[in-house]
């Protein structure tokens, strides 16, 4: 597991989450721990190294 920090696309607060490096390509939705809005998370690992991370707001 890798701890990764980023800014929420809604409230711009610093958010930290644990990422599972055992799955190389991941896409999922997780709520912001500060403002509770849904964040579309996309990430890629090469072995255990994080090579791409995106956290985007969900268009409604």
PDB file of N, CA and C in Angstrom:
ATOM      1  N   UNK A   1       0.843  -1.177   0.000  1.00  0.00           N
ATOM      2  CA  UNK A   1       0.000   0.000   0.000  1.00  0.00           C
ATOM      3  C   UNK A   1       0.892   1.244   0.000  1.00  0.00           C
ATOM      4  N   UNK A   2       0.424   2.241  -0.707  1.00  0.00           N
ATOM      5  CA  UNK A   2       1.150   3.496  -0.826  1.00  0.00           C
ATOM      6  C   UNK A   2       0.232   4.629  -0.405  1.00  0.00           C
ATOM      7  N   UNK A   3       0.684   5.490   0.496  1.00  0.00           N
ATOM      8  CA  UNK A   3      -0.096   6.663   0.875  1.00  0.00           C
ATOM      9  C   UNK A   3       0.196   7.781  -0.120  1.00  0.00           C
ATOM     10  N   UNK A   4      -0.881   8.391  -0.646  1.00  0.00           N
ATOM     11  CA  UNK A   4      -0.734   9.437  -1.655  1.00  0.00           C
ATOM     12  C   UNK A   4      -1.617  10.618  -1.277  1.00  0.00           C
ATOM     13  N   UNK A   5      -1.073  11.829  -1.356  1.00  0.00           N
ATOM     14  CA  UNK A   5      -1.824  13.051  -1.048  1.00  0.00           C
ATOM     15  C   UNK A   5      -2.093  13.838  -2.324  1.00  0.00           C
ATOM     16  N   UNK A   6      -3.255  14.483  -2.350  1.00  0.00           N
ATOM     17  CA  UNK A   6      -3.643  15.300  -3.500  1.00  0.00           C
ATOM     18  C   UNK A   6      -4.674  16.323  -3.047  1.00  0.00           C
ATOM     19  N   UNK A   7      -5.000  17.276  -3.911  1.00  0.00           N
ATOM     20  CA  UNK A   7      -6.017  18.285  -3.611  1.00  0.00           C
ATOM     21  C   UNK A   7      -7.360  17.842  -4.152  1.00  0.00           C
ATOM     22  N   UNK A   8      -8.383  17.939  -3.312  1.00  0.00           N
ATOM     23  CA  UNK A   8      -9.740  17.610  -3.749  1.00  0.00           C
ATOM     24  C   UNK A   8     -10.154  18.573  -4.862  1.00  0.00           C
ATOM     25  N   UNK A   9     -10.749  18.076  -5.951  1.00  0.00           N
ATOM     26  CA  UNK A   9     -11.166  18.961  -7.047  1.00  0.00           C
ATOM     27  C   UNK A   9     -12.391  19.823  -6.705  1.00  0.00           C
ATOM     28  N   UNK A  10     -13.002  19.592  -5.560  1.00  0.00           N
ATOM     29  CA  UNK A  10     -14.162  20.387  -5.133  1.00  0.00           C
ATOM     30  C   UNK A  10     -13.780  21.434  -4.086  1.00  0.00           C
ATOM     31  N   UNK A  11     -13.192  20.985  -2.977  1.00  0.00           N
ATOM     32  CA  UNK A  11     -12.917  21.894  -1.856  1.00  0.00           C
ATOM     33  C   UNK A  11     -11.454  22.333  -1.777  1.00  0.00           C
ATOM     34  N   UNK A  12     -10.601  21.752  -2.598  1.00  0.00           N
ATOM     35  CA  UNK A  12      -9.170  22.065  -2.698  1.00  0.00           C
ATOM     36  C   UNK A  12      -8.390  21.781  -1.420  1.00  0.00           C
ATOM     37  N   UNK A  13      -8.977  21.031  -0.506  1.00  0.00           N
ATOM     38  CA  UNK A  13      -8.258  20.624   0.702  1.00  0.00           C
ATOM     39  C   UNK A  13      -7.325  19.452   0.372  1.00  0.00           C
ATOM     40  N   UNK A  14      -6.249  19.345   1.133  1.00  0.00           N
ATOM     41  CA  UNK A  14      -5.324  18.237   0.948  1.00  0.00           C
ATOM     42  C   UNK A  14      -5.962  16.959   1.493  1.00  0.00           C
ATOM     43  N   UNK A  15      -6.010  15.926   0.661  1.00  0.00           N
ATOM     44  CA  UNK A  15      -6.626  14.654   1.014  1.00  0.00           C
ATOM     45  C   UNK A  15      -5.562  13.569   0.842  1.00  0.00           C
ATOM     46  N   UNK A  16      -5.582  12.599   1.718  1.00  0.00           N
ATOM     47  CA  UNK A  16      -4.648  11.487   1.641  1.00  0.00           C
ATOM     48  C   UNK A  16      -5.438  10.192   1.514  1.00  0.00           C
ATOM     49  N   UNK A  17      -4.946   9.286   0.667  1.00  0.00           N
ATOM     50  CA  UNK A  17      -5.579   7.971   0.563  1.00  0.00           C
ATOM     51  C   UNK A  17      -4.522   6.901   0.365  1.00  0.00           C
ATOM     52  N   UNK A  18      -4.882   5.700   0.748  1.00  0.00           N
ATOM     53  CA  UNK A  18      -4.007   4.551   0.556  1.00  0.00           C
ATOM     54  C   UNK A  18      -4.315   3.904  -0.787  1.00  0.00           C
ATOM     55  N   UNK A  19      -3.276   3.665  -1.580  1.00  0.00           N
ATOM     56  CA  UNK A  19      -3.429   3.065  -2.898  1.00  0.00           C
ATOM     57  C   UNK A  19      -2.844   1.657  -2.890  1.00  0.00           C
ATOM     58  N   UNK A  20      -3.544   0.750  -3.532  1.00  0.00           N
ATOM     59  CA  UNK A  20      -3.117  -0.649  -3.610  1.00  0.00           C
ATOM     60  C   UNK A  20      -2.276  -0.841  -4.868  1.00  0.00           C
ATOM     61  N   UNK A  21      -0.994  -1.075  -4.699  1.00  0.00           N
ATOM     62  CA  UNK A  21      -0.083  -1.209  -5.840  1.00  0.00           C
ATOM     63  C   UNK A  21      -0.124  -2.593  -6.489  1.00  0.00           C
ATOM     64  N   UNK A  22      -0.925  -3.510  -5.965  1.00  0.00           N
ATOM     65  CA  UNK A  22      -0.992  -4.859  -6.544  1.00  0.00           C
ATOM     66  C   UNK A  22      -1.838  -4.905  -7.820  1.00  0.00           C
ATOM     67  N   UNK A  23      -2.595  -3.836  -8.099  1.00  0.00           N
ATOM     68  CA  UNK A  23      -3.409  -3.747  -9.319  1.00  0.00           C
ATOM     69  C   UNK A  23      -2.844  -2.598 -10.153  1.00  0.00           C
ATOM     70  N   UNK A  24      -2.379  -2.892 -11.365  1.00  0.00           N
ATOM     71  CA  UNK A  24      -1.639  -1.883 -12.130  1.00  0.00           C
ATOM     72  C   UNK A  24      -2.500  -0.732 -12.655  1.00  0.00           C
ATOM     73  N   UNK A  25      -3.713  -1.006 -13.117  1.00  0.00           N
ATOM     74  CA  UNK A  25      -4.602   0.051 -13.622  1.00  0.00           C
ATOM     75  C   UNK A  25      -5.885   0.058 -12.800  1.00  0.00           C
ATOM     76  N   UNK A  26      -6.227   1.230 -12.272  1.00  0.00           N
ATOM     77  CA  UNK A  26      -7.414   1.324 -11.425  1.00  0.00           C
ATOM     78  C   UNK A  26      -8.225   2.561 -11.764  1.00  0.00           C
ATOM     79  N   UNK A  27      -9.549   2.421 -11.718  1.00  0.00           N
ATOM     80  CA  UNK A  27     -10.495   3.515 -11.885  1.00  0.00           C
ATOM     81  C   UNK A  27     -11.634   3.278 -10.908  1.00  0.00           C
ATOM     82  N   UNK A  28     -11.893   4.248 -10.062  1.00  0.00           N
ATOM     83  CA  UNK A  28     -12.980   4.091  -9.100  1.00  0.00           C
ATOM     84  C   UNK A  28     -13.419   5.456  -8.582  1.00  0.00           C
ATOM     85  N   UNK A  29     -14.503   5.473  -7.835  1.00  0.00           N
ATOM     86  CA  UNK A  29     -15.030   6.689  -7.234  1.00  0.00           C
ATOM     87  C   UNK A  29     -14.892   6.565  -5.723  1.00  0.00           C
ATOM     88  N   UNK A  30     -14.350   7.615  -5.126  1.00  0.00           N
ATOM     89  CA  UNK A  30     -14.215   7.654  -3.667  1.00  0.00           C
ATOM     90  C   UNK A  30     -14.619   9.044  -3.193  1.00  0.00           C
ATOM     91  N   UNK A  31     -15.354   9.111  -2.092  1.00  0.00           N
ATOM     92  CA  UNK A  31     -15.791  10.395  -1.555  1.00  0.00           C
ATOM     93  C   UNK A  31     -14.644  11.108  -0.853  1.00  0.00           C
ATOM     94  N   UNK A  32     -14.616  12.435  -1.005  1.00  0.00           N
ATOM     95  CA  UNK A  32     -13.635  13.259  -0.305  1.00  0.00           C
ATOM     96  C   UNK A  32     -13.903  13.156   1.194  1.00  0.00           C
ATOM     97  N   UNK A  33     -12.845  12.968   1.971  1.00  0.00           N
ATOM     98  CA  UNK A  33     -13.006  12.856   3.421  1.00  0.00           C
ATOM     99  C   UNK A  33     -13.309  14.195   4.084  1.00  0.00           C
ATOM    100  N   UNK A  34     -13.151  15.302   3.345  1.00  0.00           N
ATOM    101  CA  UNK A  34     -13.422  16.627   3.899  1.00  0.00           C
ATOM    102  C   UNK A  34     -14.825  17.102   3.523  1.00  0.00           C
ATOM    103  N   UNK A  35     -15.132  17.128   2.212  1.00  0.00           N
ATOM    104  CA  UNK A  35     -16.409  17.702   1.756  1.00  0.00           C
ATOM    105  C   UNK A  35     -17.433  16.648   1.319  1.00  0.00           C
ATOM    106  N   UNK A  36     -17.040  15.387   1.265  1.00  0.00           N
ATOM    107  CA  UNK A  36     -17.909  14.243   0.933  1.00  0.00           C
ATOM    108  C   UNK A  36     -18.385  14.192  -0.521  1.00  0.00           C
ATOM    109  N   UNK A  37     -17.839  15.007  -1.395  1.00  0.00           N
ATOM    110  CA  UNK A  37     -18.186  14.930  -2.812  1.00  0.00           C
ATOM    111  C   UNK A  37     -17.473  13.759  -3.471  1.00  0.00           C
ATOM    112  N   UNK A  38     -18.089  13.163  -4.506  1.00  0.00           N
ATOM    113  CA  UNK A  38     -17.471  12.006  -5.167  1.00  0.00           C
ATOM    114  C   UNK A  38     -16.322  12.415  -6.096  1.00  0.00           C
ATOM    115  N   UNK A  39     -15.218  11.726  -5.978  1.00  0.00           N
ATOM    116  CA  UNK A  39     -14.025  11.991  -6.793  1.00  0.00           C
ATOM    117  C   UNK A  39     -13.763  10.780  -7.677  1.00  0.00           C
ATOM    118  N   UNK A  40     -13.595  11.029  -8.977  1.00  0.00           N
ATOM    119  CA  UNK A  40     -13.212   9.971  -9.914  1.00  0.00           C
ATOM    120  C   UNK A  40     -11.699   9.817  -9.832  1.00  0.00           C
ATOM    121  N   UNK A  41     -11.244   8.674  -9.355  1.00  0.00           N
ATOM    122  CA  UNK A  41      -9.821   8.409  -9.170  1.00  0.00           C
ATOM    123  C   UNK A  41      -9.359   7.445 -10.262  1.00  0.00           C
ATOM    124  N   UNK A  42      -8.285   7.809 -10.958  1.00  0.00           N
ATOM    125  CA  UNK A  42      -7.659   6.953 -11.971  1.00  0.00           C
ATOM    126  C   UNK A  42      -6.168   6.915 -11.670  1.00  0.00           C
ATOM    127  N   UNK A  43      -5.613   5.709 -11.661  1.00  0.00           N
ATOM    128  CA  UNK A  43      -4.191   5.608 -11.360  1.00  0.00           C
ATOM    129  C   UNK A  43      -3.574   4.414 -12.065  1.00  0.00           C
ATOM    130  N   UNK A  44      -2.255   4.506 -12.225  1.00  0.00           N
ATOM    131  CA  UNK A  44      -1.498   3.425 -12.854  1.00  0.00           C
ATOM    132  C   UNK A  44      -0.216   3.201 -12.070  1.00  0.00           C
ATOM    133  N   UNK A  45       0.104   1.933 -11.901  1.00  0.00           N
ATOM    134  CA  UNK A  45       1.357   1.526 -11.276  1.00  0.00           C
ATOM    135  C   UNK A  45       2.190   0.760 -12.293  1.00  0.00           C
ATOM    136  N   UNK A  46       3.492   0.927 -12.217  1.00  0.00           N
ATOM    137  CA  UNK A  46       4.441   0.094 -12.931  1.00  0.00           C
ATOM    138  C   UNK A  46       5.214  -0.636 -11.845  1.00  0.00           C
ATOM    139  N   UNK A  47       4.950  -1.933 -11.698  1.00  0.00           N
ATOM    140  CA  UNK A  47       5.414  -2.702 -10.537  1.00  0.00           C
ATOM    141  C   UNK A  47       4.809  -2.048  -9.303  1.00  0.00           C
ATOM    142  N   UNK A  48       5.595  -1.493  -8.418  1.00  0.00           N
ATOM    143  CA  UNK A  48       5.041  -0.832  -7.235  1.00  0.00           C
ATOM    144  C   UNK A  48       5.200   0.690  -7.290  1.00  0.00           C
ATOM    145  N   UNK A  49       5.634   1.209  -8.444  1.00  0.00           N
ATOM    146  CA  UNK A  49       5.843   2.649  -8.586  1.00  0.00           C
ATOM    147  C   UNK A  49       4.612   3.293  -9.218  1.00  0.00           C
ATOM    148  N   UNK A  50       4.080   4.316  -8.560  1.00  0.00           N
ATOM    149  CA  UNK A  50       2.946   5.074  -9.093  1.00  0.00           C
ATOM    150  C   UNK A  50       3.433   5.930 -10.255  1.00  0.00           C
ATOM    151  N   UNK A  51       2.883   5.719 -11.460  1.00  0.00           N
ATOM    152  CA  UNK A  51       3.332   6.468 -12.633  1.00  0.00           C
ATOM    153  C   UNK A  51       2.291   7.466 -13.128  1.00  0.00           C
ATOM    154  N   UNK A  52       1.023   7.310 -12.711  1.00  0.00           N
ATOM    155  CA  UNK A  52      -0.010   8.269 -13.109  1.00  0.00           C
ATOM    156  C   UNK A  52      -1.098   8.277 -12.042  1.00  0.00           C
ATOM    157  N   UNK A  53      -1.538   9.481 -11.651  1.00  0.00           N
ATOM    158  CA  UNK A  53      -2.625   9.623 -10.684  1.00  0.00           C
ATOM    159  C   UNK A  53      -3.465  10.823 -11.089  1.00  0.00           C
ATOM    160  N   UNK A  54      -4.769  10.616 -11.189  1.00  0.00           N
ATOM    161  CA  UNK A  54      -5.697  11.699 -11.501  1.00  0.00           C
ATOM    162  C   UNK A  54      -6.888  11.619 -10.555  1.00  0.00           C
ATOM    163  N   UNK A  55      -7.271  12.772 -10.029  1.00  0.00           N
ATOM    164  CA  UNK A  55      -8.451  12.866  -9.164  1.00  0.00           C
ATOM    165  C   UNK A  55      -9.308  13.997  -9.722  1.00  0.00           C
ATOM    166  N   UNK A  56     -10.450  13.640 -10.311  1.00  0.00           N
ATOM    167  CA  UNK A  56     -11.299  14.602 -11.005  1.00  0.00           C
ATOM    168  C   UNK A  56     -12.693  14.667 -10.419  1.00  0.00           C
ATOM    169  N   UNK A  57     -13.313  15.822 -10.554  1.00  0.00           N
ATOM    170  CA  UNK A  57     -14.712  15.956 -10.154  1.00  0.00           C
ATOM    171  C   UNK A  57     -15.581  15.182 -11.142  1.00  0.00           C
ATOM    172  N   UNK A  58     -16.753  14.808 -10.693  1.00  0.00           N
ATOM    173  CA  UNK A  58     -17.692  14.088 -11.535  1.00  0.00           C
ATOM    174  C   UNK A  58     -18.724  15.068 -12.054  1.00  0.00           C
ATOM    175  N   UNK A  59     -18.829  15.164 -13.358  1.00  0.00           N
ATOM    176  CA  UNK A  59     -19.797  16.073 -13.964  1.00  0.00           C
ATOM    177  C   UNK A  59     -21.220  15.567 -13.726  1.00  0.00           C
ATOM    178  N   UNK A  60     -22.076  16.460 -13.290  1.00  0.00           N
ATOM    179  CA  UNK A  60     -23.468  16.065 -13.021  1.00  0.00           C
ATOM    180  C   UNK A  60     -24.408  16.778 -13.940  1.00  0.00           C
TER     181      UNK A  60
END
